[in-house]
Amino acid sequence: MVAHTTPPAADAKTIFTDLGYDVVGDGPEFRATRDWKEVTVRAVADDATDAPDADLQCYVTWSEHAPALQRRLDGRDCDEWAVIGVDDDGGYEVTRAPPAERA
């Protein structure tokens, strides 16, 4: 396993672009927009993070840090956040997603 010291920002942008989002911003934090939905995306190198002030939030980190990051965020009041874990080969897994919209 590789020790990662930089956030997977390029991977995060690729994931959201491939999902059909318009990506705006440089660096590890950016906005991803599709239809009515605007997501604040923050790529982080580990599980230590502060929450951005946004309605929809997604944290993209390396796979080995995703479970710990999810545990850190579980106590928050907001349910509208997700965690994506990225592998060394660029593959990814959504380890936590916001609950489905209620009809």
PDB file of N, CA and C in Angstrom:
ATOM      1  N   MET A   1       0.836  -1.167   0.000  1.00  0.00           N
ATOM      2  CA  MET A   1       0.000   0.000   0.000  1.00  0.00           C
ATOM      3  C   MET A   1       0.888   1.239   0.000  1.00  0.00           C
ATOM      4  N   VAL A   2       0.539   2.216  -0.825  1.00  0.00           N
ATOM      5  CA  VAL A   2       1.291   3.457  -0.941  1.00  0.00           C
ATOM      6  C   VAL A   2       0.820   4.429   0.141  1.00  0.00           C
ATOM      7  N   ALA A   3       1.765   5.106   0.799  1.00  0.00           N
ATOM      8  CA  ALA A   3       1.398   6.141   1.758  1.00  0.00           C
ATOM      9  C   ALA A   3       1.113   7.419   0.982  1.00  0.00           C
ATOM     10  N   HIS A   4      -0.122   7.908   1.055  1.00  0.00           N
ATOM     11  CA  HIS A   4      -0.528   9.089   0.300  1.00  0.00           C
ATOM     12  C   HIS A   4      -0.415  10.328   1.173  1.00  0.00           C
ATOM     13  N   THR A   5       0.206  11.365   0.627  1.00  0.00           N
ATOM     14  CA  THR A   5       0.328  12.611   1.365  1.00  0.00           C
ATOM     15  C   THR A   5      -0.407  13.763   0.680  1.00  0.00           C
ATOM     16  N   THR A   6      -0.855  13.547  -0.536  1.00  0.00           N
ATOM     17  CA  THR A   6      -1.609  14.574  -1.248  1.00  0.00           C
ATOM     18  C   THR A   6      -3.017  14.064  -1.528  1.00  0.00           C
ATOM     19  N   PRO A   7      -3.986  14.956  -1.558  1.00  0.00           N
ATOM     20  CA  PRO A   7      -5.356  14.524  -1.822  1.00  0.00           C
ATOM     21  C   PRO A   7      -5.544  14.082  -3.274  1.00  0.00           C
ATOM     22  N   PRO A   8      -6.507  13.191  -3.514  1.00  0.00           N
ATOM     23  CA  PRO A   8      -6.759  12.711  -4.875  1.00  0.00           C
ATOM     24  C   PRO A   8      -7.642  13.675  -5.674  1.00  0.00           C
ATOM     25  N   ALA A   9      -7.192  14.925  -5.803  1.00  0.00           N
ATOM     26  CA  ALA A   9      -8.000  15.964  -6.456  1.00  0.00           C
ATOM     27  C   ALA A   9      -8.270  15.643  -7.922  1.00  0.00           C
ATOM     28  N   ALA A  10      -7.253  15.223  -8.667  1.00  0.00           N
ATOM     29  CA  ALA A  10      -7.451  14.912 -10.088  1.00  0.00           C
ATOM     30  C   ALA A  10      -8.426  13.744 -10.249  1.00  0.00           C
ATOM     31  N   ASP A  11      -8.305  12.736  -9.381  1.00  0.00           N
ATOM     32  CA  ASP A  11      -9.233  11.599  -9.427  1.00  0.00           C
ATOM     33  C   ASP A  11     -10.658  12.065  -9.139  1.00  0.00           C
ATOM     34  N   ALA A  12     -10.809  12.948  -8.159  1.00  0.00           N
ATOM     35  CA  ALA A  12     -12.135  13.457  -7.794  1.00  0.00           C
ATOM     36  C   ALA A  12     -12.775  14.170  -8.980  1.00  0.00           C
ATOM     37  N   LYS A  13     -12.004  15.011  -9.656  1.00  0.00           N
ATOM     38  CA  LYS A  13     -12.540  15.731 -10.813  1.00  0.00           C
ATOM     39  C   LYS A  13     -12.910  14.775 -11.938  1.00  0.00           C
ATOM     40  N   THR A  14     -12.091  13.761 -12.157  1.00  0.00           N
ATOM     41  CA  THR A  14     -12.388  12.764 -13.190  1.00  0.00           C
ATOM     42  C   THR A  14     -13.672  12.009 -12.865  1.00  0.00           C
ATOM     43  N   ILE A  15     -13.837  11.607 -11.610  1.00  0.00           N
ATOM     44  CA  ILE A  15     -15.046  10.878 -11.200  1.00  0.00           C
ATOM     45  C   ILE A  15     -16.282  11.709 -11.501  1.00  0.00           C
ATOM     46  N   PHE A  16     -16.292  12.961 -11.070  1.00  0.00           N
ATOM     47  CA  PHE A  16     -17.478  13.793 -11.267  1.00  0.00           C
ATOM     48  C   PHE A  16     -17.701  14.155 -12.732  1.00  0.00           C
ATOM     49  N   THR A  17     -16.644  14.377 -13.483  1.00  0.00           N
ATOM     50  CA  THR A  17     -16.782  14.641 -14.915  1.00  0.00           C
ATOM     51  C   THR A  17     -17.372  13.419 -15.622  1.00  0.00           C
ATOM     52  N   ASP A  18     -16.868  12.229 -15.284  1.00  0.00           N
ATOM     53  CA  ASP A  18     -17.380  10.996 -15.887  1.00  0.00           C
ATOM     54  C   ASP A  18     -18.848  10.749 -15.534  1.00  0.00           C
ATOM     55  N   LEU A  19     -19.289  11.256 -14.385  1.00  0.00           N
ATOM     56  CA  LEU A  19     -20.687  11.105 -13.968  1.00  0.00           C
ATOM     57  C   LEU A  19     -21.595  12.167 -14.590  1.00  0.00           C
ATOM     58  N   GLY A  20     -21.020  13.034 -15.432  1.00  0.00           N
ATOM     59  CA  GLY A  20     -21.823  14.018 -16.145  1.00  0.00           C
ATOM     60  C   GLY A  20     -21.963  15.364 -15.453  1.00  0.00           C
ATOM     61  N   TYR A  21     -21.162  15.616 -14.444  1.00  0.00           N
ATOM     62  CA  TYR A  21     -21.197  16.903 -13.753  1.00  0.00           C
ATOM     63  C   TYR A  21     -20.294  17.900 -14.458  1.00  0.00           C
ATOM     64  N   ASP A  22     -20.673  19.173 -14.396  1.00  0.00           N
ATOM     65  CA  ASP A  22     -19.794  20.266 -14.805  1.00  0.00           C
ATOM     66  C   ASP A  22     -18.954  20.608 -13.583  1.00  0.00           C
ATOM     67  N   VAL A  23     -17.642  20.594 -13.736  1.00  0.00           N
ATOM     68  CA  VAL A  23     -16.717  20.810 -12.626  1.00  0.00           C
ATOM     69  C   VAL A  23     -16.113  22.201 -12.748  1.00  0.00           C
ATOM     70  N   VAL A  24     -16.192  22.980 -11.659  1.00  0.00           N
ATOM     71  CA  VAL A  24     -15.665  24.334 -11.640  1.00  0.00           C
ATOM     72  C   VAL A  24     -14.762  24.498 -10.425  1.00  0.00           C
ATOM     73  N   GLY A  25     -13.537  24.958 -10.664  1.00  0.00           N
ATOM     74  CA  GLY A  25     -12.601  25.231  -9.580  1.00  0.00           C
ATOM     75  C   GLY A  25     -11.332  24.426  -9.730  1.00  0.00           C
ATOM     76  N   ASP A  26     -10.283  24.960  -9.160  1.00  0.00           N
ATOM     77  CA  ASP A  26      -8.982  24.298  -9.159  1.00  0.00           C
ATOM     78  C   ASP A  26      -8.638  23.882  -7.734  1.00  0.00           C
ATOM     79  N   GLY A  27      -7.746  22.951  -7.626  1.00  0.00           N
ATOM     80  CA  GLY A  27      -7.300  22.529  -6.306  1.00  0.00           C
ATOM     81  C   GLY A  27      -8.169  21.437  -5.720  1.00  0.00           C
ATOM     82  N   PRO A  28      -8.002  21.176  -4.432  1.00  0.00           N
ATOM     83  CA  PRO A  28      -8.677  20.054  -3.796  1.00  0.00           C
ATOM     84  C   PRO A  28     -10.147  20.295  -3.458  1.00  0.00           C
ATOM     85  N   GLU A  29     -10.632  21.538  -3.550  1.00  0.00           N
ATOM     86  CA  GLU A  29     -12.054  21.802  -3.324  1.00  0.00           C
ATOM     87  C   GLU A  29     -12.624  22.470  -4.561  1.00  0.00           C
ATOM     88  N   PHE A  30     -13.775  21.938  -5.039  1.00  0.00           N
ATOM     89  CA  PHE A  30     -14.401  22.478  -6.237  1.00  0.00           C
ATOM     90  C   PHE A  30     -15.896  22.227  -6.187  1.00  0.00           C
ATOM     91  N   ARG A  31     -16.603  22.804  -7.132  1.00  0.00           N
ATOM     92  CA  ARG A  31     -18.046  22.612  -7.254  1.00  0.00           C
ATOM     93  C   ARG A  31     -18.328  21.718  -8.459  1.00  0.00           C
ATOM     94  N   ALA A  32     -19.278  20.822  -8.281  1.00  0.00           N
ATOM     95  CA  ALA A  32     -19.724  19.936  -9.358  1.00  0.00           C
ATOM     96  C   ALA A  32     -21.233  20.136  -9.505  1.00  0.00           C
ATOM     97  N   THR A  33     -21.678  20.470 -10.722  1.00  0.00           N
ATOM     98  CA  THR A  33     -23.083  20.794 -10.956  1.00  0.00           C
ATOM     99  C   THR A  33     -23.646  19.918 -12.067  1.00  0.00           C
ATOM    100  N   ARG A  34     -24.856  19.404 -11.816  1.00  0.00           N
ATOM    101  CA  ARG A  34     -25.593  18.647 -12.831  1.00  0.00           C
ATOM    102  C   ARG A  34     -27.075  18.852 -12.554  1.00  0.00           C
ATOM    103  N   ASP A  35     -27.819  19.246 -13.582  1.00  0.00           N
ATOM    104  CA  ASP A  35     -29.245  19.540 -13.443  1.00  0.00           C
ATOM    105  C   ASP A  35     -29.436  20.551 -12.310  1.00  0.00           C
ATOM    106  N   TRP A  36     -30.225  20.243 -11.331  1.00  0.00           N
ATOM    107  CA  TRP A  36     -30.517  21.141 -10.211  1.00  0.00           C
ATOM    108  C   TRP A  36     -29.520  20.992  -9.068  1.00  0.00           C
ATOM    109  N   LYS A  37     -28.661  20.000  -9.152  1.00  0.00           N
ATOM    110  CA  LYS A  37     -27.812  19.619  -8.028  1.00  0.00           C
ATOM    111  C   LYS A  37     -26.431  20.255  -8.113  1.00  0.00           C
ATOM    112  N   GLU A  38     -26.022  20.942  -7.032  1.00  0.00           N
ATOM    113  CA  GLU A  38     -24.659  21.467  -6.931  1.00  0.00           C
ATOM    114  C   GLU A  38     -24.006  20.863  -5.689  1.00  0.00           C
ATOM    115  N   VAL A  39     -22.875  20.218  -5.906  1.00  0.00           N
ATOM    116  CA  VAL A  39     -22.160  19.515  -4.838  1.00  0.00           C
ATOM    117  C   VAL A  39     -20.826  20.209  -4.604  1.00  0.00           C
ATOM    118  N   THR A  40     -20.522  20.451  -3.335  1.00  0.00           N
ATOM    119  CA  THR A  40     -19.184  20.910  -2.978  1.00  0.00           C
ATOM    120  C   THR A  40     -18.350  19.662  -2.754  1.00  0.00           C
ATOM    121  N   VAL A  41     -17.281  19.523  -3.533  1.00  0.00           N
ATOM    122  CA  VAL A  41     -16.421  18.344  -3.464  1.00  0.00           C
ATOM    123  C   VAL A  41     -15.103  18.763  -2.836  1.00  0.00           C
ATOM    124  N   ARG A  42     -14.665  17.987  -1.860  1.00  0.00           N
ATOM    125  CA  ARG A  42     -13.388  18.252  -1.199  1.00  0.00           C
ATOM    126  C   ARG A  42     -12.554  16.974  -1.231  1.00  0.00           C
ATOM    127  N   ALA A  43     -11.417  17.044  -1.919  1.00  0.00           N
ATOM    128  CA  ALA A  43     -10.472  15.925  -1.937  1.00  0.00           C
ATOM    129  C   ALA A  43      -9.541  16.095  -0.744  1.00  0.00           C
ATOM    130  N   VAL A  44      -9.400  15.038   0.050  1.00  0.00           N
ATOM    131  CA  VAL A  44      -8.560  15.089   1.245  1.00  0.00           C
ATOM    132  C   VAL A  44      -7.600  13.912   1.252  1.00  0.00           C
ATOM    133  N   ALA A  45      -6.412  14.122   1.822  1.00  0.00           N
ATOM    134  CA  ALA A  45      -5.382  13.079   1.820  1.00  0.00           C
ATOM    135  C   ALA A  45      -5.593  12.052   2.914  1.00  0.00           C
ATOM    136  N   ASP A  46      -6.358  12.400   3.943  1.00  0.00           N
ATOM    137  CA  ASP A  46      -6.559  11.475   5.062  1.00  0.00           C
ATOM    138  C   ASP A  46      -7.956  11.665   5.625  1.00  0.00           C
ATOM    139  N   ASP A  47      -8.167  11.292   6.876  1.00  0.00           N
ATOM    140  CA  ASP A  47      -9.505  11.378   7.449  1.00  0.00           C
ATOM    141  C   ASP A  47      -9.729  12.652   8.249  1.00  0.00           C
ATOM    142  N   ALA A  48      -8.755  13.542   8.341  1.00  0.00           N
ATOM    143  CA  ALA A  48      -8.901  14.781   9.097  1.00  0.00           C
ATOM    144  C   ALA A  48      -9.424  15.871   8.179  1.00  0.00           C
ATOM    145  N   THR A  49     -10.608  16.375   8.466  1.00  0.00           N
ATOM    146  CA  THR A  49     -11.179  17.415   7.621  1.00  0.00           C
ATOM    147  C   THR A  49     -12.201  18.228   8.385  1.00  0.00           C
ATOM    148  N   ASP A  50     -12.355  19.471   7.981  1.00  0.00           N
ATOM    149  CA  ASP A  50     -13.441  20.310   8.445  1.00  0.00           C
ATOM    150  C   ASP A  50     -14.507  20.288   7.368  1.00  0.00           C
ATOM    151  N   ALA A  51     -15.739  20.456   7.777  1.00  0.00           N
ATOM    152  CA  ALA A  51     -16.837  20.403   6.820  1.00  0.00           C
ATOM    153  C   ALA A  51     -17.045  21.755   6.156  1.00  0.00           C
ATOM    154  N   PRO A  52     -17.130  21.777   4.822  1.00  0.00           N
ATOM    155  CA  PRO A  52     -17.465  23.034   4.159  1.00  0.00           C
ATOM    156  C   PRO A  52     -18.920  23.387   4.427  1.00  0.00           C
ATOM    157  N   ASP A  53     -19.247  24.648   4.291  1.00  0.00           N
ATOM    158  CA  ASP A  53     -20.612  25.113   4.494  1.00  0.00           C
ATOM    159  C   ASP A  53     -21.356  24.983   3.171  1.00  0.00           C
ATOM    160  N   ALA A  54     -21.956  23.833   2.938  1.00  0.00           N
ATOM    161  CA  ALA A  54     -22.662  23.579   1.681  1.00  0.00           C
ATOM    162  C   ALA A  54     -23.807  22.610   1.945  1.00  0.00           C
ATOM    163  N   ASP A  55     -24.836  22.676   1.106  1.00  0.00           N
ATOM    164  CA  ASP A  55     -25.977  21.781   1.266  1.00  0.00           C
ATOM    165  C   ASP A  55     -25.621  20.342   0.911  1.00  0.00           C
ATOM    166  N   LEU A  56     -24.996  20.148  -0.245  1.00  0.00           N
ATOM    167  CA  LEU A  56     -24.578  18.814  -0.676  1.00  0.00           C
ATOM    168  C   LEU A  56     -23.054  18.780  -0.668  1.00  0.00           C
ATOM    169  N   GLN A  57     -22.487  17.787   0.006  1.00  0.00           N
ATOM    170  CA  GLN A  57     -21.041  17.707   0.161  1.00  0.00           C
ATOM    171  C   GLN A  57     -20.556  16.305  -0.164  1.00  0.00           C
ATOM    172  N   CYS A  58     -19.388  16.232  -0.789  1.00  0.00           N
ATOM    173  CA  CYS A  58     -18.770  14.945  -1.062  1.00  0.00           C
ATOM    174  C   CYS A  58     -17.291  15.044  -0.743  1.00  0.00           C
ATOM    175  N   TYR A  59     -16.813  14.096   0.009  1.00  0.00           N
ATOM    176  CA  TYR A  59     -15.395  14.011   0.360  1.00  0.00           C
ATOM    177  C   TYR A  59     -14.794  12.862  -0.421  1.00  0.00           C
ATOM    178  N   VAL A  60     -13.686  13.130  -1.098  1.00  0.00           N
ATOM    179  CA  VAL A  60     -12.989  12.108  -1.867  1.00  0.00           C
ATOM    180  C   VAL A  60     -11.624  11.935  -1.224  1.00  0.00           C
ATOM    181  N   THR A  61     -11.343  10.711  -0.795  1.00  0.00           N
ATOM    182  CA  THR A  61     -10.081  10.422  -0.133  1.00  0.00           C
ATOM    183  C   THR A  61      -9.560   9.083  -0.629  1.00  0.00           C
ATOM    184  N   TRP A  62      -8.398   8.722  -0.186  1.00  0.00           N
ATOM    185  CA  TRP A  62      -7.832   7.423  -0.546  1.00  0.00           C
ATOM    186  C   TRP A  62      -8.615   6.328   0.173  1.00  0.00           C
ATOM    187  N   SER A  63      -8.762   5.192  -0.451  1.00  0.00           N
ATOM    188  CA  SER A  63      -9.586   4.096   0.074  1.00  0.00           C
ATOM    189  C   SER A  63      -9.270   3.728   1.510  1.00  0.00           C
ATOM    190  N   GLU A  64      -7.974   3.738   1.866  1.00  0.00           N
ATOM    191  CA  GLU A  64      -7.621   3.335   3.229  1.00  0.00           C
ATOM    192  C   GLU A  64      -8.092   4.329   4.282  1.00  0.00           C
ATOM    193  N   HIS A  65      -8.417   5.552   3.889  1.00  0.00           N
ATOM    194  CA  HIS A  65      -8.867   6.568   4.839  1.00  0.00           C
ATOM    195  C   HIS A  65     -10.385   6.736   4.859  1.00  0.00           C
ATOM    196  N   ALA A  66     -11.080   6.179   3.877  1.00  0.00           N
ATOM    197  CA  ALA A  66     -12.522   6.388   3.752  1.00  0.00           C
ATOM    198  C   ALA A  66     -13.317   5.945   4.979  1.00  0.00           C
ATOM    199  N   PRO A  67     -13.086   4.764   5.563  1.00  0.00           N
ATOM    200  CA  PRO A  67     -13.880   4.369   6.736  1.00  0.00           C
ATOM    201  C   PRO A  67     -13.685   5.319   7.928  1.00  0.00           C
ATOM    202  N   ALA A  68     -12.459   5.736   8.188  1.00  0.00           N
ATOM    203  CA  ALA A  68     -12.209   6.648   9.313  1.00  0.00           C
ATOM    204  C   ALA A  68     -12.838   8.015   9.059  1.00  0.00           C
ATOM    205  N   LEU A  69     -12.774   8.487   7.825  1.00  0.00           N
ATOM    206  CA  LEU A  69     -13.401   9.767   7.485  1.00  0.00           C
ATOM    207  C   LEU A  69     -14.907   9.674   7.676  1.00  0.00           C
ATOM    208  N   GLN A  70     -15.492   8.595   7.245  1.00  0.00           N
ATOM    209  CA  GLN A  70     -16.936   8.412   7.425  1.00  0.00           C
ATOM    210  C   GLN A  70     -17.302   8.436   8.902  1.00  0.00           C
ATOM    211  N   ARG A  71     -16.537   7.770   9.734  1.00  0.00           N
ATOM    212  CA  ARG A  71     -16.809   7.775  11.184  1.00  0.00           C
ATOM    213  C   ARG A  71     -16.721   9.189  11.753  1.00  0.00           C
ATOM    214  N   ARG A  72     -15.734   9.970  11.297  1.00  0.00           N
ATOM    215  CA  ARG A  72     -15.590  11.358  11.770  1.00  0.00           C
ATOM    216  C   ARG A  72     -16.804  12.199  11.402  1.00  0.00           C
ATOM    217  N   LEU A  73     -17.359  11.968  10.231  1.00  0.00           N
ATOM    218  CA  LEU A  73     -18.463  12.780   9.740  1.00  0.00           C
ATOM    219  C   LEU A  73     -19.828  12.298  10.199  1.00  0.00           C
ATOM    220  N   ASP A  74     -19.922  11.059  10.690  1.00  0.00           N
ATOM    221  CA  ASP A  74     -21.213  10.490  11.073  1.00  0.00           C
ATOM    222  C   ASP A  74     -21.936  11.289  12.147  1.00  0.00           C
ATOM    223  N   GLY A  75     -21.227  11.972  13.021  1.00  0.00           N
ATOM    224  CA  GLY A  75     -21.867  12.712  14.103  1.00  0.00           C
ATOM    225  C   GLY A  75     -22.406  14.069  13.701  1.00  0.00           C
ATOM    226  N   ARG A  76     -22.243  14.462  12.462  1.00  0.00           N
ATOM    227  CA  ARG A  76     -22.694  15.776  12.011  1.00  0.00           C
ATOM    228  C   ARG A  76     -24.199  15.843  11.889  1.00  0.00           C
ATOM    229  N   ASP A  77     -24.742  17.045  11.985  1.00  0.00           N
ATOM    230  CA  ASP A  77     -26.185  17.252  11.864  1.00  0.00           C
ATOM    231  C   ASP A  77     -26.693  17.058  10.441  1.00  0.00           C
ATOM    232  N   CYS A  78     -25.871  17.348   9.460  1.00  0.00           N
ATOM    233  CA  CYS A  78     -26.272  17.287   8.063  1.00  0.00           C
ATOM    234  C   CYS A  78     -26.192  15.854   7.539  1.00  0.00           C
ATOM    235  N   ASP A  79     -27.244  15.420   6.845  1.00  0.00           N
ATOM    236  CA  ASP A  79     -27.251  14.085   6.235  1.00  0.00           C
ATOM    237  C   ASP A  79     -26.810  14.109   4.782  1.00  0.00           C
ATOM    238  N   GLU A  80     -26.672  15.274   4.206  1.00  0.00           N
ATOM    239  CA  GLU A  80     -26.414  15.408   2.774  1.00  0.00           C
ATOM    240  C   GLU A  80     -24.925  15.412   2.447  1.00  0.00           C
ATOM    241  N   TRP A  81     -24.253  14.327   2.766  1.00  0.00           N
ATOM    242  CA  TRP A  81     -22.834  14.211   2.436  1.00  0.00           C
ATOM    243  C   TRP A  81     -22.524  12.791   2.004  1.00  0.00           C
ATOM    244  N   ALA A  82     -21.434  12.670   1.262  1.00  0.00           N
ATOM    245  CA  ALA A  82     -20.990  11.372   0.763  1.00  0.00           C
ATOM    246  C   ALA A  82     -19.481  11.261   0.940  1.00  0.00           C
ATOM    247  N   VAL A  83     -19.001  10.019   0.952  1.00  0.00           N
ATOM    248  CA  VAL A  83     -17.562   9.740   0.994  1.00  0.00           C
ATOM    249  C   VAL A  83     -17.253   8.772  -0.139  1.00  0.00           C
ATOM    250  N   ILE A  84     -16.219   9.119  -0.918  1.00  0.00           N
ATOM    251  CA  ILE A  84     -15.745   8.253  -1.992  1.00  0.00           C
ATOM    252  C   ILE A  84     -14.299   7.886  -1.694  1.00  0.00           C
ATOM    253  N   GLY A  85     -13.995   6.590  -1.714  1.00  0.00           N
ATOM    254  CA  GLY A  85     -12.629   6.104  -1.531  1.00  0.00           C
ATOM    255  C   GLY A  85     -12.011   5.757  -2.873  1.00  0.00           C
ATOM    256  N   VAL A  86     -10.831   6.315  -3.151  1.00  0.00           N
ATOM    257  CA  VAL A  86     -10.146   6.108  -4.434  1.00  0.00           C
ATOM    258  C   VAL A  86      -8.977   5.143  -4.240  1.00  0.00           C
ATOM    259  N   ASP A  87      -8.864   4.161  -5.144  1.00  0.00           N
ATOM    260  CA  ASP A  87      -7.753   3.206  -5.140  1.00  0.00           C
ATOM    261  C   ASP A  87      -6.556   3.790  -5.875  1.00  0.00           C
ATOM    262  N   ASP A  88      -5.397   3.163  -5.699  1.00  0.00           N
ATOM    263  CA  ASP A  88      -4.183   3.597  -6.397  1.00  0.00           C
ATOM    264  C   ASP A  88      -4.334   3.551  -7.912  1.00  0.00           C
ATOM    265  N   ASP A  89      -5.173   2.648  -8.423  1.00  0.00           N
ATOM    266  CA  ASP A  89      -5.343   2.512  -9.874  1.00  0.00           C
ATOM    267  C   ASP A  89      -6.438   3.431 -10.429  1.00  0.00           C
ATOM    268  N   GLY A  90      -7.004   4.295  -9.587  1.00  0.00           N
ATOM    269  CA  GLY A  90      -8.035   5.223 -10.040  1.00  0.00           C
ATOM    270  C   GLY A  90      -9.449   4.705  -9.872  1.00  0.00           C
ATOM    271  N   GLY A  91      -9.600   3.431  -9.523  1.00  0.00           N
ATOM    272  CA  GLY A  91     -10.923   2.898  -9.244  1.00  0.00           C
ATOM    273  C   GLY A  91     -11.453   3.538  -7.969  1.00  0.00           C
ATOM    274  N   TYR A  92     -12.770   3.502  -7.798  1.00  0.00           N
ATOM    275  CA  TYR A  92     -13.325   4.128  -6.596  1.00  0.00           C
ATOM    276  C   TYR A  92     -14.574   3.401  -6.128  1.00  0.00           C
ATOM    277  N   GLU A  93     -14.917   3.683  -4.875  1.00  0.00           N
ATOM    278  CA  GLU A  93     -16.124   3.127  -4.276  1.00  0.00           C
ATOM    279  C   GLU A  93     -16.775   4.207  -3.431  1.00  0.00           C
ATOM    280  N   VAL A  94     -18.091   4.359  -3.598  1.00  0.00           N
ATOM    281  CA  VAL A  94     -18.848   5.265  -2.745  1.00  0.00           C
ATOM    282  C   VAL A  94     -19.098   4.507  -1.455  1.00  0.00           C
ATOM    283  N   THR A  95     -18.456   4.955  -0.374  1.00  0.00           N
ATOM    284  CA  THR A  95     -18.594   4.238   0.892  1.00  0.00           C
ATOM    285  C   THR A  95     -19.714   4.783   1.749  1.00  0.00           C
ATOM    286  N   ARG A  96     -20.174   5.996   1.430  1.00  0.00           N
ATOM    287  CA  ARG A  96     -21.311   6.566   2.138  1.00  0.00           C
ATOM    288  C   ARG A  96     -21.958   7.578   1.219  1.00  0.00           C
ATOM    289  N   ALA A  97     -23.264   7.462   1.013  1.00  0.00           N
ATOM    290  CA  ALA A  97     -23.988   8.383   0.147  1.00  0.00           C
ATOM    291  C   ALA A  97     -25.139   8.997   0.940  1.00  0.00           C
ATOM    292  N   PRO A  98     -25.600  10.185   0.523  1.00  0.00           N
ATOM    293  CA  PRO A  98     -26.763  10.771   1.201  1.00  0.00           C
ATOM    294  C   PRO A  98     -27.982   9.872   1.041  1.00  0.00           C
ATOM    295  N   PRO A  99     -28.910   9.935   1.978  1.00  0.00           N
ATOM    296  CA  PRO A  99     -30.131   9.139   1.827  1.00  0.00           C
ATOM    297  C   PRO A  99     -30.895   9.553   0.576  1.00  0.00           C
ATOM    298  N   ALA A 100     -31.643   8.614   0.020  1.00  0.00           N
ATOM    299  CA  ALA A 100     -32.435   8.901  -1.178  1.00  0.00           C
ATOM    300  C   ALA A 100     -33.487   9.957  -0.841  1.00  0.00           C
ATOM    301  N   GLU A 101     -33.818  10.759  -1.841  1.00  0.00           N
ATOM    302  CA  GLU A 101     -34.838  11.790  -1.624  1.00  0.00           C
ATOM    303  C   GLU A 101     -36.165  11.136  -1.293  1.00  0.00           C
ATOM    304  N   ARG A 102     -36.877  11.782  -0.428  1.00  0.00           N
ATOM    305  CA  ARG A 102     -38.202  11.286  -0.038  1.00  0.00           C
ATOM    306  C   ARG A 102     -39.243  11.899  -0.960  1.00  0.00           C
ATOM    307  N   ALA A 103     -40.188  11.090  -1.375  1.00  0.00           N
ATOM    308  CA  ALA A 103     -41.243  11.565  -2.286  1.00  0.00           C
ATOM    309  C   ALA A 103     -42.286  12.348  -1.527  1.00  0.00           C
TER     310      ALA A 103
END
